[in-house]
Amino acid sequence: MRLAHLLDERHLETAPGTAAWTPHQPLATADADRAALDTMLPCRTNDAELWFAEHTAQVEQAKALCRTCPLQAGCLAGAIDRAEPWGVWGGEVFVDGVVVARKRGRGRPRKTDTTAPAAPATQPASSAPAAPSGPAVAERTGLTTWPADLPELPDAVSTDLGGGVVVRGYPALVEEPGPRHEPTVALRILADAAERDGTHARGVRRLLLAETALQPGRVTSRWTGKQALTLAASPYRNTDALVADLQLAAVTALTSGDADLAPGTPPGPDAVQVRTADSYAEARTFVRGHLEDEVHRAAGHVVAALSAWRALEAEVRGTSSLALLNTLTDVRDHAATLVHPGFVSATPPRRLPHLVRYLRAASYRLEKAQANPARDAELAWRVHDVEEAFAKARAAYAAGPADPVRAAELAEVRWLIEELRVSLFAQQLGTDGPVSEKRVRKVLSPNGW
């Protein structure tokens, strides 16, 4: 059932001294009051489907929005009365009419502890739920540092509800939007173990950045005049936004472990492994000691990429041949996937230095296409065919259960396709390792076509 219909039947609690709208209220007055009320309700001003989402991050976003609603208490009370079968109501998750800590995706079986010893046969049955096993972890929001009362964040917590039913949760630091859509960090208990590590790493990095961030002026003071002019022409809305993204990218590079280490970046902790107060303190000390230099290193890569991007844009504008119309469109669209607001932190640390090569390859492509448009069209078709296979593989993954290994493979394919473009359109620039259409397709479909 759509939220717009469900909302009309909610029992909404109003502030003391005010009258709640009921079906018996005159229609004109009711319509006017509800029109004004609609502007205050997050479930009216945002996509209604968010409150019935499957993914944990979207569910948490809906819960966070509910906490800003003036009618949260009444909404929750009405949902409990009606035993809502599904969705987020009043900041709580409902499944089959019951409030649960986290919603599991539909179709996924609940896991039970097959290794737990069976209860003795003489043990009397009890209908009362057992106490949580393992250390108790309370959710909290608005974190500004590692919680002082939490020396270690367990990998999992569980509660035996009796009757062989064990509910498990997976604690993680989670990056969430704040009241003004600013990034904040919360401690949450996730329902899916497969989502824990990636979500936790992002939360740890955001928390580290909150504690170690440099003032924008300190960052920009190290830019040369030429660098400042180039960076001023970036797609970011202002310099502060660019500096913030540079710092997030630097923290990511410093806490990615050895797997995604960028050239010149000192090896540091892996954010996934930061699950104790001591390891967080060590990571904070490491980031604070290397952040400024890492930001400056990242800025140098960004300057090179932006210079190549601006040169490519000028070449596209300067080409007027109708025979190259499809090529120009493809080049422009491709460049937009590499350089856009947020591209610095969105690019993996190891790939950031290669952006300039990918953009220069597009320039070489334009130059060659002018001499042989038919050959360019043939090569472009081969790339697009691989990209379509990539899109299908991503869609298939999104429709199934979370799998960190598969997610990492698909993330790498995105950059293998960039290397494939270089190998086809600008071989003289070289590639970062061997690449071919066959190699990419093998990753996309490991079991064959």
Protein backbone atom coordinates (compact mmCIF):
# COMPACT_ATOMS: atom_id res chain seq x y z
CA MET A 1 0.00 0.00 0.00
CA ARG A 2 1.35 3.42 -0.88
CA LEU A 3 2.40 5.76 1.92
CA ALA A 4 0.11 8.54 0.66
CA HIS A 5 -2.91 6.33 1.38
CA LEU A 6 -1.59 4.99 4.68
CA LEU A 7 -0.83 8.45 6.02
CA ASP A 8 -4.45 9.52 5.63
CA GLU A 9 -5.47 6.87 8.16
CA ARG A 10 -2.85 7.57 10.82
CA HIS A 11 -3.75 8.69 14.32
CA LEU A 12 -1.54 11.75 14.55
CA GLU A 13 -0.66 13.24 17.92
CA THR A 14 -0.66 17.03 18.10
CA ALA A 15 0.88 19.42 20.55
CA PRO A 16 -0.98 20.09 23.83
CA GLY A 17 -3.70 22.66 23.40
CA THR A 18 -4.23 22.01 19.71
CA ALA A 19 -6.92 19.98 18.02
CA ALA A 20 -6.15 16.97 15.92
CA TRP A 21 -7.84 16.67 12.52
CA THR A 22 -10.47 13.95 12.35
CA PRO A 23 -12.70 12.72 9.55
CA HIS A 24 -15.56 14.68 11.16
CA GLN A 25 -13.82 18.03 10.73
CA PRO A 26 -15.27 20.34 8.01
CA LEU A 27 -13.59 19.51 4.71
CA ALA A 28 -12.37 23.02 3.86
CA THR A 29 -10.72 23.46 7.26
CA ALA A 30 -9.30 19.96 7.18
CA ASP A 31 -7.81 20.45 3.71
CA ALA A 32 -6.20 23.74 4.69
CA ASP A 33 -4.76 22.30 7.90
CA ARG A 34 -3.42 19.23 6.15
CA ALA A 35 -1.87 21.31 3.38
CA ALA A 36 0.07 23.26 5.98
CA LEU A 37 0.91 20.07 7.87
CA ASP A 38 2.23 18.38 4.74
CA THR A 39 5.10 20.87 4.53
CA MET A 40 6.26 19.80 8.00
CA LEU A 41 6.18 16.03 7.50
CA PRO A 42 9.34 14.45 6.05
CA CYS A 43 7.32 11.55 4.64
CA ARG A 44 5.35 14.10 2.59
CA THR A 45 8.29 16.19 1.42
CA ASN A 46 10.53 13.23 0.50
CA ASP A 47 10.08 10.15 -1.67
CA ALA A 48 7.43 8.05 0.09
CA GLU A 49 9.07 4.81 -1.04
CA LEU A 50 12.01 5.59 1.26
CA TRP A 51 9.86 4.49 4.22
CA PHE A 52 9.37 1.07 2.60
CA ALA A 53 12.91 0.57 1.31
CA GLU A 54 14.81 -2.72 1.46
CA HIS A 55 18.39 -1.49 1.93
CA THR A 56 19.67 -0.75 5.42
CA ALA A 57 21.09 2.67 4.55
CA GLN A 58 17.74 3.84 3.16
CA VAL A 59 15.88 2.48 6.18
CA GLU A 60 18.25 4.34 8.50
CA GLN A 61 17.74 7.52 6.48
CA ALA A 62 13.96 7.18 6.86
CA LYS A 63 14.33 6.67 10.62
CA ALA A 64 16.55 9.74 10.87
CA LEU A 65 13.99 11.83 8.99
CA CYS A 66 11.23 10.56 11.28
CA ARG A 67 13.13 11.91 14.26
CA THR A 68 12.70 15.42 12.84
CA CYS A 69 8.92 15.05 12.46
CA PRO A 70 6.66 16.93 14.90
CA LEU A 71 4.16 14.06 14.79
CA GLN A 72 6.58 11.22 15.44
CA ALA A 73 4.96 10.07 18.69
CA GLY A 74 1.44 9.99 17.30
CA CYS A 75 2.56 8.24 14.14
CA LEU A 76 4.30 5.54 16.18
CA ALA A 77 1.30 5.07 18.48
CA GLY A 78 -1.06 4.73 15.53
CA ALA A 79 1.22 2.23 13.80
CA ILE A 80 1.37 0.10 16.94
CA ASP A 81 -2.43 0.20 17.26
CA ARG A 82 -2.86 -0.89 13.65
CA ALA A 83 -0.02 -3.44 13.82
CA GLU A 84 1.46 -2.07 10.60
CA PRO A 85 2.82 -4.99 8.56
CA TRP A 86 5.80 -3.25 6.93
CA GLY A 87 7.78 -0.04 6.78
CA VAL A 88 9.17 2.72 8.97
CA TRP A 89 6.58 4.45 11.18
CA GLY A 90 7.36 7.03 13.83
CA GLY A 91 11.06 6.32 13.56
CA GLU A 92 10.69 2.58 14.18
CA VAL A 93 10.86 -0.41 11.82
CA PHE A 94 7.75 -2.60 11.62
CA VAL A 95 7.73 -6.17 10.31
CA ASP A 96 4.56 -8.22 10.54
CA GLY A 97 3.01 -5.75 12.98
CA VAL A 98 5.96 -5.82 15.40
CA VAL A 99 8.66 -3.22 16.05
CA VAL A 100 12.08 -4.69 15.25
CA ALA A 101 15.59 -3.35 15.64
CA ARG A 102 16.46 -3.71 11.98
CA LYS A 103 14.61 -4.79 8.86
CA ARG A 104 15.95 -7.74 6.91
CA GLY A 105 15.43 -7.80 3.16
CA ARG A 106 12.37 -9.70 1.99
CA GLY A 107 13.16 -13.21 0.83
CA ARG A 108 16.27 -13.53 2.97
CA PRO A 109 16.02 -16.33 5.54
CA ARG A 110 16.80 -15.47 9.12
CA LYS A 111 20.03 -17.05 10.24
CA THR A 112 20.06 -19.10 13.43
CA ASP A 113 22.97 -20.21 15.54
CA THR A 114 23.61 -23.82 14.45
CA THR A 115 26.71 -24.03 16.63
CA ALA A 116 25.02 -23.18 19.93
CA PRO A 117 24.64 -26.15 22.30
CA ALA A 118 21.15 -27.48 22.73
CA ALA A 119 19.33 -26.77 25.99
CA PRO A 120 19.21 -29.67 28.45
CA ALA A 121 16.13 -31.83 28.06
CA THR A 122 15.19 -31.23 31.68
CA GLN A 123 15.25 -27.44 31.31
CA PRO A 124 11.72 -26.08 31.75
CA ALA A 125 10.30 -24.18 28.83
CA SER A 126 9.86 -20.46 29.28
CA SER A 127 8.01 -17.93 27.18
CA ALA A 128 10.16 -15.03 28.43
CA PRO A 129 12.97 -13.88 26.10
CA ALA A 130 16.48 -14.52 27.29
CA ALA A 131 18.95 -11.73 27.94
CA PRO A 132 21.25 -10.60 25.10
CA SER A 133 24.39 -12.69 24.70
CA GLY A 134 27.73 -10.96 24.38
CA PRO A 135 28.42 -7.32 25.28
CA ALA A 136 25.41 -5.03 25.05
CA VAL A 137 25.75 -2.20 22.53
CA ALA A 138 23.38 0.75 22.61
CA GLU A 139 22.71 2.72 19.46
CA ARG A 140 23.56 6.41 19.57
CA THR A 141 23.70 9.36 17.21
CA GLY A 142 25.73 12.54 16.81
CA LEU A 143 29.10 10.98 17.60
CA THR A 144 32.05 13.36 17.64
CA THR A 145 34.65 10.80 18.74
CA TRP A 146 34.83 7.15 19.71
CA PRO A 147 32.32 6.45 22.54
CA ALA A 148 34.12 6.71 25.88
CA ASP A 149 32.14 3.84 27.39
CA LEU A 150 32.86 1.42 24.56
CA PRO A 151 36.38 -0.03 24.71
CA GLU A 152 35.59 -2.48 21.93
CA LEU A 153 32.90 -2.73 19.25
CA PRO A 154 31.96 -6.41 18.92
CA ASP A 155 31.61 -7.96 15.50
CA ALA A 156 28.13 -9.18 16.36
CA VAL A 157 25.56 -9.17 19.13
CA SER A 158 22.70 -11.61 19.54
CA THR A 159 19.57 -12.13 21.59
CA ASP A 160 17.93 -15.51 22.16
CA LEU A 161 14.19 -14.94 21.97
CA GLY A 162 13.41 -18.50 22.96
CA GLY A 163 11.99 -21.30 20.89
CA GLY A 164 15.21 -21.60 18.91
CA VAL A 165 14.94 -18.04 17.53
CA VAL A 166 18.16 -16.04 17.72
CA VAL A 167 18.25 -12.44 16.53
CA ARG A 168 21.66 -11.19 15.49
CA GLY A 169 22.88 -7.69 14.83
CA TYR A 170 26.17 -6.32 13.57
CA PRO A 171 27.40 -3.08 15.23
CA ALA A 172 29.00 -0.46 12.99
CA LEU A 173 29.70 3.23 12.82
CA VAL A 174 27.38 4.62 10.16
CA GLU A 175 27.59 7.87 8.22
CA GLU A 176 24.14 9.51 8.23
CA PRO A 177 22.67 12.84 7.08
CA GLY A 178 22.03 15.29 9.89
CA PRO A 179 19.07 17.66 10.34
CA ARG A 180 20.54 20.06 7.78
CA HIS A 181 21.78 17.20 5.55
CA GLU A 182 25.30 17.57 6.92
CA PRO A 183 27.27 14.33 7.37
CA THR A 184 27.09 12.88 10.88
CA VAL A 185 28.15 9.59 12.46
CA ALA A 186 25.96 7.22 14.46
CA LEU A 187 26.44 3.85 16.10
CA ARG A 188 23.93 1.42 14.63
CA ILE A 189 23.19 -2.29 14.81
CA LEU A 190 22.94 -3.52 11.23
CA ALA A 191 20.84 -6.49 10.18
CA ASP A 192 23.20 -7.79 7.49
CA ALA A 193 26.76 -8.92 8.25
CA ALA A 194 27.73 -8.39 4.61
CA GLU A 195 27.02 -4.65 4.89
CA ARG A 196 28.91 -4.17 8.15
CA ASP A 197 32.52 -3.73 7.01
CA GLY A 198 31.97 -1.26 4.18
CA THR A 199 29.49 0.78 6.19
CA HIS A 200 31.76 0.80 9.25
CA ALA A 201 34.81 1.90 7.24
CA ARG A 202 32.91 4.91 5.88
CA GLY A 203 31.70 5.80 9.36
CA VAL A 204 35.19 5.53 10.86
CA ARG A 205 36.65 7.76 8.15
CA ARG A 206 33.95 10.39 8.58
CA LEU A 207 34.53 10.39 12.35
CA LEU A 208 38.30 10.68 11.89
CA LEU A 209 37.80 13.59 9.51
CA ALA A 210 35.55 15.35 12.02
CA GLU A 211 38.37 15.21 14.58
CA THR A 212 41.35 15.97 12.35
CA ALA A 213 40.05 18.28 9.60
CA LEU A 214 42.26 21.20 8.63
CA GLN A 215 40.99 24.73 8.18
CA PRO A 216 40.41 25.52 4.48
CA GLY A 217 42.85 28.40 4.64
CA ARG A 218 45.62 26.12 5.80
CA VAL A 219 45.03 23.82 2.83
CA THR A 220 44.80 26.56 0.20
CA SER A 221 47.90 28.32 1.53
CA ARG A 222 50.04 25.56 0.02
CA TRP A 223 48.62 26.00 -3.47
CA THR A 224 50.63 27.86 -6.07
CA GLY A 225 48.94 30.57 -8.10
CA LYS A 226 48.57 28.24 -11.07
CA GLN A 227 47.13 25.48 -8.89
CA ALA A 228 44.66 27.87 -7.31
CA LEU A 229 43.43 29.03 -10.73
CA THR A 230 43.03 25.47 -11.97
CA LEU A 231 41.22 24.32 -8.84
CA ALA A 232 38.96 27.37 -8.94
CA ALA A 233 37.57 26.03 -12.23
CA SER A 234 36.58 22.69 -10.70
CA PRO A 235 32.94 21.51 -10.79
CA TYR A 236 32.59 22.02 -7.02
CA ARG A 237 30.24 24.79 -5.89
CA ASN A 238 33.03 26.62 -4.02
CA THR A 239 36.56 26.22 -2.68
CA ASP A 240 35.40 25.06 0.75
CA ALA A 241 33.46 22.18 -0.82
CA LEU A 242 36.52 21.16 -2.84
CA VAL A 243 38.78 21.33 0.24
CA ALA A 244 36.32 19.23 2.25
CA ASP A 245 36.28 16.56 -0.44
CA LEU A 246 40.06 16.62 -0.73
CA GLN A 247 40.33 15.99 3.00
CA LEU A 248 37.84 13.13 2.87
CA ALA A 249 39.80 11.60 0.00
CA ALA A 250 43.02 11.99 1.99
CA VAL A 251 41.54 10.29 5.07
CA THR A 252 40.30 7.47 2.84
CA ALA A 253 43.77 7.05 1.32
CA LEU A 254 45.41 7.01 4.75
CA THR A 255 43.02 4.36 6.11
CA SER A 256 42.70 2.00 3.16
CA GLY A 257 45.41 -0.43 4.24
CA ASP A 258 47.78 -1.84 1.65
CA ALA A 259 45.13 -3.07 -0.81
CA ASP A 260 44.26 0.34 -2.25
CA LEU A 261 47.40 2.27 -1.35
CA ALA A 262 48.12 5.23 -3.62
CA PRO A 263 51.68 5.96 -4.79
CA GLY A 264 53.48 8.06 -2.17
CA THR A 265 50.87 7.49 0.54
CA PRO A 266 52.35 6.06 3.76
CA PRO A 267 50.85 2.71 4.78
CA GLY A 268 48.42 3.13 7.63
CA PRO A 269 45.54 1.45 9.41
CA ASP A 270 42.62 -0.13 7.61
CA ALA A 271 39.38 1.58 8.67
CA VAL A 272 37.55 -1.76 8.51
CA GLN A 273 39.74 -3.06 11.35
CA VAL A 274 39.25 -0.05 13.62
CA ARG A 275 36.84 -1.54 16.16
CA THR A 276 38.40 -0.63 19.52
CA ALA A 277 39.02 2.63 21.34
CA ASP A 278 42.77 2.00 21.22
CA SER A 279 42.87 1.27 17.47
CA TYR A 280 40.75 4.35 16.82
CA ALA A 281 43.13 6.52 18.88
CA GLU A 282 46.08 5.13 16.91
CA ALA A 283 44.31 5.78 13.62
CA ARG A 284 43.48 9.34 14.70
CA THR A 285 47.11 10.01 15.60
CA PHE A 286 48.28 8.60 12.27
CA VAL A 287 45.77 10.60 10.23
CA ARG A 288 46.49 13.81 12.12
CA GLY A 289 50.22 13.41 11.47
CA HIS A 290 49.89 12.76 7.72
CA LEU A 291 46.68 14.51 6.67
CA GLU A 292 48.16 17.80 5.48
CA ASP A 293 50.75 16.17 3.23
CA GLU A 294 48.22 13.68 1.88
CA VAL A 295 45.77 16.48 1.05
CA HIS A 296 48.53 18.32 -0.79
CA ARG A 297 49.46 15.14 -2.69
CA ALA A 298 45.83 14.58 -3.69
CA ALA A 299 45.49 18.22 -4.76
CA GLY A 300 48.40 17.74 -7.16
CA HIS A 301 46.64 14.78 -8.82
CA VAL A 302 43.41 16.78 -9.01
CA VAL A 303 45.18 19.75 -10.62
CA ALA A 304 46.61 17.45 -13.31
CA ALA A 305 43.19 15.88 -13.93
CA LEU A 306 41.42 19.23 -14.09
CA SER A 307 44.00 20.59 -16.55
CA ALA A 308 43.43 17.59 -18.84
CA TRP A 309 39.66 17.96 -18.38
CA ARG A 310 39.68 21.63 -19.38
CA ALA A 311 41.86 20.87 -22.40
CA LEU A 312 39.45 18.12 -23.44
CA GLU A 313 36.46 20.43 -23.08
CA ALA A 314 38.17 23.00 -25.30
CA GLU A 315 38.87 20.33 -27.93
CA VAL A 316 35.25 19.19 -27.88
CA ARG A 317 33.99 22.76 -28.30
CA GLY A 318 36.45 23.34 -31.10
CA THR A 319 35.32 20.31 -33.13
CA SER A 320 32.37 21.03 -35.41
CA SER A 321 32.37 18.07 -37.80
CA LEU A 322 28.93 16.46 -38.07
CA ALA A 323 30.63 13.13 -38.73
CA LEU A 324 31.99 13.25 -35.18
CA LEU A 325 28.72 14.15 -33.46
CA ASN A 326 28.35 10.74 -31.79
CA THR A 327 32.02 10.74 -30.78
CA LEU A 328 31.76 14.19 -29.22
CA THR A 329 28.67 13.20 -27.27
CA ASP A 330 30.31 10.02 -26.04
CA VAL A 331 33.49 11.84 -25.02
CA ARG A 332 31.56 14.53 -23.17
CA ASP A 333 29.42 11.97 -21.34
CA HIS A 334 32.44 9.88 -20.45
CA ALA A 335 34.35 12.88 -19.07
CA ALA A 336 31.36 13.69 -16.86
CA THR A 337 31.72 10.30 -15.16
CA LEU A 338 35.32 11.14 -14.25
CA VAL A 339 35.06 14.80 -13.22
CA HIS A 340 31.98 15.94 -11.31
CA PRO A 341 31.11 17.35 -7.89
CA GLY A 342 32.44 14.85 -5.34
CA PHE A 343 34.74 13.06 -7.80
CA VAL A 344 37.86 13.40 -5.63
CA SER A 345 36.61 11.23 -2.75
CA ALA A 346 34.52 9.06 -5.08
CA THR A 347 37.66 7.96 -6.95
CA PRO A 348 39.59 5.16 -5.20
CA PRO A 349 42.94 6.45 -3.87
CA ARG A 350 44.93 4.17 -6.17
CA ARG A 351 43.00 5.42 -9.20
CA LEU A 352 43.17 9.14 -8.51
CA PRO A 353 46.63 9.59 -10.13
CA HIS A 354 45.32 7.85 -13.27
CA LEU A 355 42.46 10.27 -13.96
CA VAL A 356 44.74 12.49 -16.00
CA ARG A 357 45.64 9.53 -18.24
CA TYR A 358 42.01 8.60 -18.79
CA LEU A 359 41.18 12.17 -19.81
CA ARG A 360 44.20 12.47 -22.10
CA ALA A 361 43.16 9.20 -23.74
CA ALA A 362 39.87 10.88 -24.63
CA SER A 363 41.82 13.72 -26.27
CA TYR A 364 43.84 11.24 -28.30
CA ARG A 365 40.60 9.58 -29.31
CA LEU A 366 39.23 12.86 -30.70
CA GLU A 367 42.39 13.41 -32.67
CA LYS A 368 42.27 9.93 -34.22
CA ALA A 369 38.54 10.05 -34.85
CA GLN A 370 38.92 13.05 -37.15
CA ALA A 371 41.09 10.96 -39.44
CA ASN A 372 39.00 7.76 -39.24
CA PRO A 373 35.46 8.19 -37.85
CA ALA A 374 34.44 4.65 -38.85
CA ARG A 375 37.26 3.08 -36.84
CA ASP A 376 36.31 5.20 -33.81
CA ALA A 377 32.70 4.07 -34.09
CA GLU A 378 33.79 0.43 -34.16
CA LEU A 379 35.95 0.81 -31.06
CA ALA A 380 33.23 2.74 -29.26
CA TRP A 381 30.76 -0.05 -29.96
CA ARG A 382 33.11 -2.57 -28.37
CA VAL A 383 33.43 -0.43 -25.23
CA HIS A 384 29.68 0.14 -25.00
CA ASP A 385 29.05 -3.58 -25.35
CA VAL A 386 31.26 -4.25 -22.34
CA GLU A 387 29.60 -1.41 -20.44
CA GLU A 388 26.18 -2.96 -21.08
CA ALA A 389 27.43 -6.27 -19.69
CA PHE A 390 28.74 -4.36 -16.66
CA ALA A 391 25.35 -2.70 -16.13
CA LYS A 392 23.61 -6.09 -16.27
CA ALA A 393 26.07 -7.59 -13.77
CA ARG A 394 25.49 -4.69 -11.38
CA ALA A 395 21.72 -5.04 -11.72
CA ALA A 396 21.95 -8.77 -11.00
CA TYR A 397 24.06 -8.09 -7.92
CA ALA A 398 21.67 -5.42 -6.65
CA ALA A 399 18.77 -7.87 -6.89
CA GLY A 400 20.52 -10.50 -4.79
CA PRO A 401 22.06 -10.74 -1.31
CA ALA A 402 24.99 -8.53 -0.37
CA ASP A 403 28.40 -10.06 -1.11
CA PRO A 404 31.47 -7.93 -0.27
CA VAL A 405 33.75 -9.98 -2.52
CA ARG A 406 31.48 -9.60 -5.53
CA ALA A 407 30.95 -5.91 -4.76
CA ALA A 408 34.73 -5.38 -4.79
CA GLU A 409 35.04 -7.22 -8.11
CA LEU A 410 32.40 -5.03 -9.73
CA ALA A 411 33.98 -1.88 -8.31
CA GLU A 412 37.28 -2.88 -9.91
CA VAL A 413 35.57 -3.57 -13.26
CA ARG A 414 34.49 0.07 -13.41
CA TRP A 415 38.18 1.02 -13.62
CA LEU A 416 39.16 -1.89 -15.81
CA ILE A 417 36.79 -0.44 -18.41
CA GLU A 418 38.69 2.86 -18.15
CA GLU A 419 41.90 0.98 -18.85
CA LEU A 420 40.17 -0.79 -21.75
CA ARG A 421 39.32 2.61 -23.24
CA VAL A 422 42.97 3.61 -23.01
CA SER A 423 44.10 0.38 -24.67
CA LEU A 424 41.69 0.88 -27.59
CA PHE A 425 41.83 4.64 -28.15
CA ALA A 426 45.29 5.65 -26.88
CA GLN A 427 47.65 2.71 -26.72
CA GLN A 428 50.64 5.04 -26.59
CA LEU A 429 49.66 6.08 -23.05
CA GLY A 430 49.89 2.51 -21.73
CA THR A 431 47.63 0.81 -19.23
CA ASP A 432 47.84 -0.01 -15.54
CA GLY A 433 48.31 -3.74 -15.98
CA PRO A 434 47.03 -6.12 -18.65
CA VAL A 435 43.48 -5.51 -19.84
CA SER A 436 41.22 -6.81 -22.58
CA GLU A 437 37.55 -7.30 -23.30
CA LYS A 438 37.93 -10.99 -22.50
CA ARG A 439 39.46 -10.25 -19.08
CA VAL A 440 36.66 -7.85 -18.19
CA ARG A 441 33.93 -10.24 -19.31
CA LYS A 442 35.50 -13.04 -17.30
CA VAL A 443 35.10 -10.97 -14.14
CA LEU A 444 31.56 -9.97 -15.05
CA SER A 445 30.51 -13.54 -15.73
CA PRO A 446 32.90 -15.89 -13.92
CA ASN A 447 30.71 -18.91 -14.72
CA GLY A 448 30.69 -18.23 -18.45
CA TRP A 449 28.08 -16.83 -20.79
